[in-house]
Amino acid sequence: MKKAYKINGKFLMGEDWQYFTKEVIAPNEKKAMEILLSDMGSKHRVKRRNIHIKEVVEVPSDQIESPVVKYLMEK
């Protein structure tokens, strides 16, 4: 079963920490963190040790903000 998760945290970009909030679709919380780490490493070339996840929260389908995640949840 697909669930939407909102992940908050920060990552090291150069010498500065950048804060982020990202919504992902995953079957469980652990897989959601794995998807985020893979995505951030791929898009921003950030090592996993430089990504600090602060919070992972399951989001109800009516509170999803990302249009892509909302579309994929309805599909």
C-alpha atoms as a PDB file:
ATOM      1  CA  MET A   1       0.000   0.000   0.000  1.00  0.00           C
ATOM      2  CA  LYS A   2       1.305   3.415  -0.949  1.00  0.00           C
ATOM      3  CA  LYS A   3       1.650   6.124   1.694  1.00  0.00           C
ATOM      4  CA  ALA A   4       2.865   9.697   1.464  1.00  0.00           C
ATOM      5  CA  TYR A   5       5.568  10.912   3.832  1.00  0.00           C
ATOM      6  CA  LYS A   6       6.856  14.414   4.505  1.00  0.00           C
ATOM      7  CA  ILE A   7      10.543  14.496   5.428  1.00  0.00           C
ATOM      8  CA  ASN A   8      12.240  17.511   7.037  1.00  0.00           C
ATOM      9  CA  GLY A   9      15.959  17.945   7.530  1.00  0.00           C
ATOM     10  CA  LYS A  10      19.098  19.633   6.326  1.00  0.00           C
ATOM     11  CA  PHE A  11      22.053  18.859   4.088  1.00  0.00           C
ATOM     12  CA  LEU A  12      25.518  20.301   3.661  1.00  0.00           C
ATOM     13  CA  MET A  13      25.879  22.290   0.430  1.00  0.00           C
ATOM     14  CA  GLY A  14      29.415  23.618   0.219  1.00  0.00           C
ATOM     15  CA  GLU A  15      30.021  25.222   3.612  1.00  0.00           C
ATOM     16  CA  ASP A  16      26.380  26.007   4.431  1.00  0.00           C
ATOM     17  CA  TRP A  17      23.546  23.849   5.727  1.00  0.00           C
ATOM     18  CA  GLN A  18      20.438  23.972   3.540  1.00  0.00           C
ATOM     19  CA  TYR A  19      17.077  23.078   5.095  1.00  0.00           C
ATOM     20  CA  PHE A  20      14.585  21.043   3.085  1.00  0.00           C
ATOM     21  CA  THR A  21      11.095  19.592   3.177  1.00  0.00           C
ATOM     22  CA  LYS A  22      10.246  16.863   0.687  1.00  0.00           C
ATOM     23  CA  GLU A  23       7.236  14.629   0.142  1.00  0.00           C
ATOM     24  CA  VAL A  24       7.766  11.092  -1.128  1.00  0.00           C
ATOM     25  CA  ILE A  25       5.667   7.983  -1.711  1.00  0.00           C
ATOM     26  CA  ALA A  26       6.810   4.784  -0.030  1.00  0.00           C
ATOM     27  CA  PRO A  27       5.383   1.643   1.594  1.00  0.00           C
ATOM     28  CA  ASN A  28       6.945   2.466   4.996  1.00  0.00           C
ATOM     29  CA  GLU A  29       8.990   5.083   6.867  1.00  0.00           C
ATOM     30  CA  LYS A  30      12.348   3.342   6.415  1.00  0.00           C
ATOM     31  CA  LYS A  31      11.880   3.083   2.633  1.00  0.00           C
ATOM     32  CA  ALA A  32      10.815   6.769   2.521  1.00  0.00           C
ATOM     33  CA  MET A  33      14.142   7.760   4.104  1.00  0.00           C
ATOM     34  CA  GLU A  34      16.025   5.570   1.625  1.00  0.00           C
ATOM     35  CA  ILE A  35      14.212   7.202  -1.317  1.00  0.00           C
ATOM     36  CA  LEU A  36      15.055  10.656   0.022  1.00  0.00           C
ATOM     37  CA  LEU A  37      18.752   9.845   0.558  1.00  0.00           C
ATOM     38  CA  SER A  38      19.010   8.402  -2.936  1.00  0.00           C
ATOM     39  CA  ASP A  39      17.221  11.366  -4.510  1.00  0.00           C
ATOM     40  CA  MET A  40      19.238  14.041  -2.665  1.00  0.00           C
ATOM     41  CA  GLY A  41      22.515  12.292  -3.482  1.00  0.00           C
ATOM     42  CA  SER A  42      21.588  12.021  -7.124  1.00  0.00           C
ATOM     43  CA  LYS A  43      20.287  15.568  -7.634  1.00  0.00           C
ATOM     44  CA  HIS A  44      22.680  17.515  -5.379  1.00  0.00           C
ATOM     45  CA  ARG A  45      25.724  15.190  -5.239  1.00  0.00           C
ATOM     46  CA  VAL A  46      25.542  15.108  -1.442  1.00  0.00           C
ATOM     47  CA  LYS A  47      27.030  12.215   0.524  1.00  0.00           C
ATOM     48  CA  ARG A  48      24.601  10.395   2.814  1.00  0.00           C
ATOM     49  CA  ARG A  49      26.641  11.359   5.876  1.00  0.00           C
ATOM     50  CA  ASN A  50      25.979  15.033   5.015  1.00  0.00           C
ATOM     51  CA  ILE A  51      22.186  14.617   5.029  1.00  0.00           C
ATOM     52  CA  HIS A  52      20.531  14.934   8.443  1.00  0.00           C
ATOM     53  CA  ILE A  53      16.881  13.871   8.605  1.00  0.00           C
ATOM     54  CA  LYS A  54      15.049  15.638  11.420  1.00  0.00           C
ATOM     55  CA  GLU A  55      11.545  14.239  11.048  1.00  0.00           C
ATOM     56  CA  VAL A  56       9.513  11.790   8.966  1.00  0.00           C
ATOM     57  CA  VAL A  57       5.728  12.171   9.150  1.00  0.00           C
ATOM     58  CA  GLU A  58       3.018  10.250   7.319  1.00  0.00           C
ATOM     59  CA  VAL A  59       0.758  12.696   5.481  1.00  0.00           C
ATOM     60  CA  PRO A  60      -2.975  12.044   4.969  1.00  0.00           C
ATOM     61  CA  SER A  61      -3.997  12.117   1.296  1.00  0.00           C
ATOM     62  CA  ASP A  62      -6.043  15.319   1.711  1.00  0.00           C
ATOM     63  CA  GLN A  63      -3.025  17.239   3.121  1.00  0.00           C
ATOM     64  CA  ILE A  64      -0.465  16.424   0.427  1.00  0.00           C
ATOM     65  CA  GLU A  65       1.103  19.620  -0.958  1.00  0.00           C
ATOM     66  CA  SER A  66       3.237  18.307  -3.827  1.00  0.00           C
ATOM     67  CA  PRO A  67       1.206  18.060  -7.054  1.00  0.00           C
ATOM     68  CA  VAL A  68       3.341  15.151  -8.296  1.00  0.00           C
ATOM     69  CA  VAL A  69       2.870  13.129  -5.098  1.00  0.00           C
ATOM     70  CA  LYS A  70      -0.853  13.942  -5.066  1.00  0.00           C
ATOM     71  CA  TYR A  71      -1.220  12.751  -8.672  1.00  0.00           C
ATOM     72  CA  LEU A  72       0.707   9.521  -8.039  1.00  0.00           C
ATOM     73  CA  MET A  73      -1.348   8.754  -4.915  1.00  0.00           C
ATOM     74  CA  GLU A  74      -4.615   9.088  -6.869  1.00  0.00           C
ATOM     75  CA  LYS A  75      -3.347   6.924  -9.723  1.00  0.00           C
END
